[in-house]
Structure formats: structure tokens, C-alpha cells
Amino acid sequence: MTITTCLWFQNDVEAALARYESLFDDFEVHTLMRMAADQPVMLADWRMHGTEFRAISQEVPFKFNESMSLSVICQDQTETDKLWFGLIADGGEESQCGWLKDPFGLSWQIVPKRLGELLGDPNPARAAAAQQEMMGQRRLIIADLEAAADAAAPA
């Protein structure tokens, strides 16, 4: 048995795949299927950083919404920023607490690994301060999260 996430794009899966390939080093398209050679891609299968995906690309009345998102745990601020700015470029939308929508309407959570460490701090004052700081951010900024935790209760 295999379980694969299937995403329905609005006739723009080829552009989405090009965007994602530019941002993820571990990216491979397995198949692109068209009804005819001169038609746009209707079905695609790919791997993105170890996760398999399938896409249908056809305009339909339903769209992506925030009830489904892709969550990416980033190693550091550089990786966080690369994905954040790469995914919102050319029509994406920032949200809050590390959430965004890419130009195709797909929601993402771009989260630095350090956030989880700060939220799990054994000192509840540090954890609460980091959470409060996160709630006021759009793109998560590790230095500001750490500064808030340190100000609440130095390590």
C-alpha cells in the first residue's frame, strides 16, 4: 500500500513544479501526463524532499484553503528565508506565525527547527515568551524568538 498526497491545481501545475524545483534540492518529477502533446499537463507525480506527491491540473470550482498545508521544518534562518521568499514571490501571500500561501493558493508552514526547541523550553516563562513573539510575526525570525525567550528568563 502507498499513500500519496494529491493536490488539485488550477491549470498551473507546470508553473508550480518549476517553482518548487527551484526551492528544494531534493526534487524529482516522475511523470507528466497530457491528453495530447499540445495540451497542458493534466496529471503529475513528483518527489519533493522525500515526500511523494500527485497533482491534477484542471480548472475546477474548488480551490486550496488553509485546512490543508505543507509544513516544512527548516534547519536555520537561511533555509527559512529561502523558502519563505521563494514561495511568496510573484503573487504569494504572507499570513502569520510562519504561514503563507504560494501563488498557486497552496498553504505552507515554514518553521525553523529552533521554534520547536524554544516552545519546548523547560522554563515555562521562556516558552511562553517565544510563543508570544511567534504570534506577532509573519516570517519567523529566530533571533527575535530567542531574544524574547531570553528577556523573559535568561538561559
Protein backbone atom coordinates (compact mmCIF):
# COMPACT_ATOMS: atom_id res chain seq x y z
CA MET A 1 0.00 0.00 0.00
CA THR A 2 1.15 3.53 -0.77
CA ILE A 3 -0.39 6.79 0.39
CA THR A 4 0.39 9.87 -1.69
CA THR A 5 -0.83 13.42 -1.18
CA CYS A 6 -2.81 14.53 -4.23
CA LEU A 7 -3.18 18.24 -4.89
CA TRP A 8 -5.56 19.83 -7.40
CA PHE A 9 -4.08 22.81 -9.20
CA GLN A 10 -5.98 25.24 -11.42
CA ASN A 11 -4.26 24.54 -14.77
CA ASP A 12 -0.93 25.71 -13.37
CA VAL A 13 0.84 22.59 -12.14
CA GLU A 14 3.79 23.06 -14.51
CA ALA A 15 4.50 26.51 -13.07
CA ALA A 16 4.11 25.14 -9.53
CA LEU A 17 6.54 22.31 -10.23
CA ALA A 18 9.09 24.73 -11.67
CA ARG A 19 8.78 26.93 -8.55
CA TYR A 20 9.14 24.02 -6.13
CA GLU A 21 12.07 22.55 -8.07
CA SER A 22 13.88 25.88 -7.76
CA LEU A 23 13.47 25.81 -3.96
CA PHE A 24 14.02 22.19 -2.97
CA ASP A 25 17.33 20.46 -3.70
CA ASP A 26 15.78 17.00 -3.43
CA PHE A 27 13.14 17.28 -6.15
CA GLU A 28 12.29 14.88 -8.95
CA VAL A 29 9.38 14.76 -11.37
CA HIS A 30 8.37 11.17 -12.11
CA THR A 31 5.59 11.67 -14.65
CA LEU A 32 3.81 14.42 -16.57
CA MET A 33 0.68 13.30 -18.40
CA ARG A 34 -1.16 15.24 -21.10
CA MET A 35 -4.32 14.36 -23.01
CA ALA A 36 -2.49 15.36 -26.22
CA ALA A 37 1.02 16.59 -26.98
CA ASP A 38 -0.13 20.18 -27.43
CA GLN A 39 -2.23 20.22 -24.22
CA PRO A 40 -1.14 21.34 -20.74
CA VAL A 41 -0.17 18.78 -18.12
CA MET A 42 -3.24 17.18 -16.52
CA LEU A 43 -1.53 14.76 -14.11
CA ALA A 44 1.87 14.87 -12.48
CA ASP A 45 3.76 12.74 -9.97
CA TRP A 46 6.85 14.01 -8.17
CA ARG A 47 9.00 13.72 -5.07
CA MET A 48 9.84 16.79 -3.04
CA HIS A 49 12.37 16.38 -0.23
CA GLY A 50 11.48 12.74 0.32
CA THR A 51 7.69 13.08 0.09
CA GLU A 52 5.70 11.79 -2.88
CA PHE A 53 3.01 13.97 -4.44
CA ARG A 54 0.49 13.66 -7.22
CA ALA A 55 -1.29 16.54 -8.90
CA ILE A 56 -4.32 17.01 -11.05
CA SER A 57 -4.24 20.19 -13.08
CA GLN A 58 -7.60 21.32 -14.34
CA GLU A 59 -9.70 24.34 -13.55
CA VAL A 60 -12.50 23.45 -11.15
CA PRO A 61 -14.69 25.48 -8.79
CA PHE A 62 -12.94 24.35 -5.59
CA LYS A 63 -9.62 25.83 -4.50
CA PHE A 64 -6.91 25.14 -1.94
CA ASN A 65 -7.57 26.51 1.54
CA GLU A 66 -5.80 26.66 4.88
CA SER A 67 -7.37 23.42 6.11
CA MET A 68 -4.52 21.65 4.29
CA SER A 69 -0.96 22.87 4.30
CA LEU A 70 2.57 21.64 3.75
CA SER A 71 4.70 22.09 6.85
CA VAL A 72 8.45 22.43 6.39
CA ILE A 73 10.84 22.34 9.34
CA CYS A 74 13.89 24.37 8.34
CA GLN A 75 17.36 23.95 9.80
CA ASP A 76 18.20 27.65 10.16
CA GLN A 77 17.21 31.21 9.23
CA THR A 78 18.87 30.97 5.81
CA GLU A 79 16.76 27.97 4.84
CA THR A 80 13.64 29.55 6.37
CA ASP A 81 14.16 32.76 4.39
CA LYS A 82 14.93 30.96 1.12
CA LEU A 83 11.66 29.04 1.25
CA TRP A 84 9.60 31.94 2.61
CA PHE A 85 10.64 34.45 -0.02
CA GLY A 86 10.72 31.85 -2.80
CA LEU A 87 7.19 30.68 -2.08
CA ILE A 88 5.58 34.12 -1.77
CA ALA A 89 7.35 35.60 -4.81
CA ASP A 90 5.18 36.67 -7.74
CA GLY A 91 1.79 36.64 -6.09
CA GLY A 92 2.03 34.60 -2.89
CA GLU A 93 0.56 35.91 0.36
CA GLU A 94 2.10 36.18 3.81
CA SER A 95 0.00 35.14 6.75
CA GLN A 96 1.14 34.91 10.36
CA CYS A 97 3.16 32.55 12.56
CA GLY A 98 5.16 31.19 9.61
CA TRP A 99 2.15 30.51 7.36
CA LEU A 100 1.90 31.64 3.74
CA LYS A 101 0.12 30.88 0.50
CA ASP A 102 2.14 30.41 -2.65
CA PRO A 103 0.94 31.96 -5.93
CA PHE A 104 -0.98 28.75 -6.69
CA GLY A 105 -3.03 29.06 -3.48
CA LEU A 106 -1.31 26.21 -1.61
CA SER A 107 -0.75 26.93 2.09
CA TRP A 108 2.64 26.31 3.66
CA GLN A 109 4.05 26.49 7.18
CA ILE A 110 7.71 27.50 7.05
CA VAL A 111 9.03 26.80 10.52
CA PRO A 112 12.60 26.97 11.80
CA LYS A 113 13.60 23.97 13.91
CA ARG A 114 14.62 26.39 16.66
CA LEU A 115 10.99 27.39 17.23
CA GLY A 116 10.12 23.90 18.44
CA GLU A 117 13.09 23.95 20.78
CA LEU A 118 12.05 27.30 22.23
CA LEU A 119 8.39 26.31 22.61
CA GLY A 120 9.55 23.16 24.40
CA ASP A 121 11.88 25.04 26.77
CA PRO A 122 11.61 23.56 30.28
CA ASN A 123 11.30 27.10 31.65
CA PRO A 124 7.62 27.99 31.07
CA ALA A 125 8.36 31.74 31.01
CA ARG A 126 10.85 31.29 28.13
CA ALA A 127 8.44 29.05 26.21
CA ALA A 128 5.53 31.46 26.69
CA ALA A 129 7.63 34.45 25.61
CA ALA A 130 8.77 32.64 22.45
CA GLN A 131 5.16 31.73 21.66
CA GLN A 132 4.01 35.31 22.21
CA GLU A 133 6.75 36.58 19.89
CA MET A 134 5.81 33.99 17.25
CA MET A 135 2.18 35.14 17.34
CA GLY A 136 3.27 38.62 16.28
CA GLN A 137 5.46 37.51 13.39
CA ARG A 138 4.69 36.65 9.80
CA ARG A 139 8.01 35.22 8.60
CA LEU A 140 9.54 33.57 11.65
CA ILE A 141 12.78 35.22 12.74
CA ILE A 142 14.88 33.03 15.02
CA ALA A 143 16.91 35.86 16.58
CA ASP A 144 13.74 37.67 17.68
CA LEU A 145 12.23 34.47 19.09
CA GLU A 146 15.41 33.81 21.06
CA ALA A 147 15.61 37.40 22.26
CA ALA A 148 12.03 37.25 23.55
CA ALA A 149 12.74 34.00 25.41
CA ASP A 150 15.97 35.39 26.87
CA ALA A 151 14.26 38.58 28.00
CA ALA A 152 11.60 36.59 29.85
CA ALA A 153 14.06 34.39 31.70
CA PRO A 154 17.74 34.26 30.70
CA ALA A 155 19.00 30.76 29.97
